[in-house]
Amino acid sequence: MILLGVFLLGGPVEAQTLRNASNATIGRVESDGTIRNASNATIGRVDKEGVVRNTSNARVGKIERDGVIRNASNSRIGKVDAEGVVRNASNSRIGKIEANGVVRDASNKQIGKAEGVDRKIAAVLFFMNLLK
C-alpha cells in the first residue's frame, strides 16, 4: 500500500504507526512530517499546512483542515469527518477508523489498526490510495 497523506489540524504532526489486519507495520508518519513505508523508507513528507509531497518534492495532494482530501490537481477526492468516517469524492462511505484505532472498510471488516494520537491521520493514510 502506498501511503500518500495525512490530515492536519494545524500545529505539529502526531506520530502514527499503522498496522494491517495481520498486525504487520505498513507505514508510519513521524512527528516531523516524514512519511515512511513498511520497509522504513521515506516516501514523502507533509507540512503543517497539509501539503503532501513525494520524495522528489512534487506535490501529490493536500489535506485541508476540514478533512477534505485533494489530489495533485487540487480536485476533491474524499473527506474524513470528525468521527473518523472516510468518504470518497461521490460521498460514499469507504471506511472508518474508530476511537480505539481499529480501521474498518466499507463492509465494517477490520482491516488494520492505528497506533497514535489522531485517528484522522490514520484514516487518510489507510484510505488515500482508494480515493484516487
Protein backbone atom coordinates (compact mmCIF):
# COMPACT_ATOMS: atom_id res chain seq x y z
CA MET A 1 0.00 0.00 0.00
CA ILE A 2 1.31 3.43 -0.85
CA LEU A 3 0.87 5.91 1.94
CA LEU A 4 0.22 9.33 0.48
CA GLY A 5 -1.24 11.70 3.01
CA VAL A 6 -2.10 12.80 6.49
CA PHE A 7 -4.72 15.05 8.00
CA LEU A 8 -3.56 18.05 9.98
CA LEU A 9 -5.42 20.29 12.37
CA GLY A 10 -2.59 22.80 12.48
CA GLY A 11 0.38 22.56 14.75
CA PRO A 12 2.76 19.62 14.90
CA VAL A 13 2.04 16.29 13.27
CA GLU A 14 1.34 13.47 15.71
CA ALA A 15 3.41 10.33 15.13
CA GLN A 16 1.38 7.39 13.84
CA THR A 17 2.18 3.73 13.26
CA LEU A 18 -0.20 1.83 11.02
CA ARG A 19 -0.68 -1.94 11.08
CA ASN A 20 -2.62 -4.22 8.75
CA ALA A 21 -5.11 -6.90 9.84
CA SER A 22 -2.19 -9.30 10.48
CA ASN A 23 -0.60 -6.71 12.83
CA ALA A 24 2.33 -6.08 10.46
CA THR A 25 3.52 -2.48 10.26
CA ILE A 26 2.54 -0.96 6.91
CA GLY A 27 3.76 2.56 7.49
CA ARG A 28 4.49 5.44 9.78
CA VAL A 29 4.21 9.19 9.96
CA GLU A 30 6.84 10.77 12.14
CA SER A 31 6.33 13.92 14.19
CA ASP A 32 8.46 15.94 11.74
CA GLY A 33 6.05 15.05 8.88
CA THR A 34 8.19 12.32 7.29
CA ILE A 35 6.06 9.53 5.79
CA ARG A 36 7.67 6.06 5.79
CA ASN A 37 6.55 2.77 4.25
CA ALA A 38 6.65 -0.73 5.77
CA SER A 39 10.38 -1.01 4.98
CA ASN A 40 11.03 2.26 6.85
CA ALA A 41 11.99 4.02 3.59
CA THR A 42 10.99 7.65 3.32
CA ILE A 43 8.24 8.00 0.70
CA GLY A 44 7.16 11.59 1.32
CA ARG A 45 6.58 14.48 3.68
CA VAL A 46 3.67 16.52 4.88
CA ASP A 47 3.94 20.11 6.07
CA LYS A 48 1.89 21.88 8.72
CA GLU A 49 -0.44 23.30 6.04
CA GLY A 50 -1.37 19.77 4.94
CA VAL A 51 0.55 19.75 1.64
CA VAL A 52 1.88 16.28 0.86
CA ARG A 53 4.99 15.87 -1.30
CA ASN A 54 6.74 12.78 -2.61
CA THR A 55 10.49 12.15 -2.32
CA SER A 56 11.08 14.22 -5.49
CA ASN A 57 9.37 17.15 -3.72
CA ALA A 58 6.45 17.04 -6.19
CA ARG A 59 3.10 17.94 -4.67
CA VAL A 60 0.85 14.85 -4.57
CA GLY A 61 -2.05 16.31 -2.66
CA LYS A 62 -3.37 18.27 0.26
CA ILE A 63 -5.49 17.56 3.26
CA GLU A 64 -7.44 20.61 4.35
CA ARG A 65 -8.27 21.46 7.94
CA ASP A 66 -11.94 20.50 7.45
CA GLY A 67 -10.95 16.98 6.34
CA VAL A 68 -11.28 17.45 2.58
CA ILE A 69 -8.64 15.46 0.69
CA ARG A 70 -7.37 16.85 -2.64
CA ASN A 71 -5.11 15.30 -5.27
CA ALA A 72 -2.17 16.94 -7.07
CA SER A 73 -4.61 18.65 -9.48
CA ASN A 74 -6.48 20.11 -6.49
CA SER A 75 -9.59 18.02 -7.25
CA ARG A 76 -11.57 16.84 -4.23
CA ILE A 77 -11.11 13.09 -3.90
CA GLY A 78 -12.54 12.46 -0.44
CA LYS A 79 -13.16 13.58 3.10
CA VAL A 80 -12.63 12.40 6.67
CA ASP A 81 -15.18 13.65 9.20
CA ALA A 82 -14.78 14.28 12.93
CA GLU A 83 -15.97 10.75 13.77
CA GLY A 84 -13.31 9.16 11.52
CA VAL A 85 -15.70 8.20 8.68
CA VAL A 86 -13.91 8.27 5.32
CA ARG A 87 -15.87 9.13 2.17
CA ASN A 88 -14.82 9.23 -1.48
CA ALA A 89 -15.50 12.06 -3.97
CA SER A 90 -19.04 10.73 -4.53
CA ASN A 91 -19.65 10.94 -0.77
CA SER A 92 -19.88 7.15 -0.48
CA ARG A 93 -18.61 5.75 2.81
CA ILE A 94 -15.47 3.68 2.19
CA GLY A 95 -14.42 3.09 5.76
CA LYS A 96 -13.93 4.33 9.28
CA ILE A 97 -11.31 4.47 11.95
CA GLU A 98 -12.72 4.05 15.42
CA ALA A 99 -11.65 5.98 18.52
CA ASN A 100 -9.61 2.97 19.68
CA GLY A 101 -7.63 2.95 16.40
CA VAL A 102 -9.37 -0.01 14.72
CA VAL A 103 -9.67 0.61 10.97
CA ARG A 104 -12.70 -0.82 9.16
CA ASP A 105 -13.58 -0.94 5.47
CA ALA A 106 -16.99 -0.10 3.95
CA SER A 107 -18.36 -3.53 4.92
CA ASN A 108 -17.25 -2.98 8.54
CA LYS A 109 -14.48 -5.58 8.29
CA GLN A 110 -11.41 -4.81 10.39
CA ILE A 111 -8.50 -4.12 8.02
CA GLY A 112 -5.97 -2.67 10.40
CA LYS A 113 -5.10 -0.67 13.47
CA ALA A 114 -3.55 2.73 14.09
CA GLU A 115 -1.26 3.44 17.00
CA GLY A 116 -1.04 7.11 17.73
CA VAL A 117 -3.00 10.15 18.72
CA ASP A 118 -5.01 11.36 15.73
CA ARG A 119 -7.36 8.85 14.12
CA LYS A 120 -7.93 11.18 11.18
CA ILE A 121 -4.27 10.93 10.26
CA ALA A 122 -4.54 7.17 10.24
CA ALA A 123 -7.82 7.19 8.31
CA VAL A 124 -6.32 9.17 5.48
CA LEU A 125 -3.21 7.01 5.41
CA PHE A 126 -5.23 3.82 5.17
CA PHE A 127 -7.70 5.04 2.60
CA MET A 128 -5.85 7.61 0.49
CA ASN A 129 -4.89 5.02 -2.12
CA LEU A 130 -8.60 4.15 -2.55
CA LEU A 131 -9.54 7.78 -3.16
CA LYS A 132 -7.65 8.27 -6.43
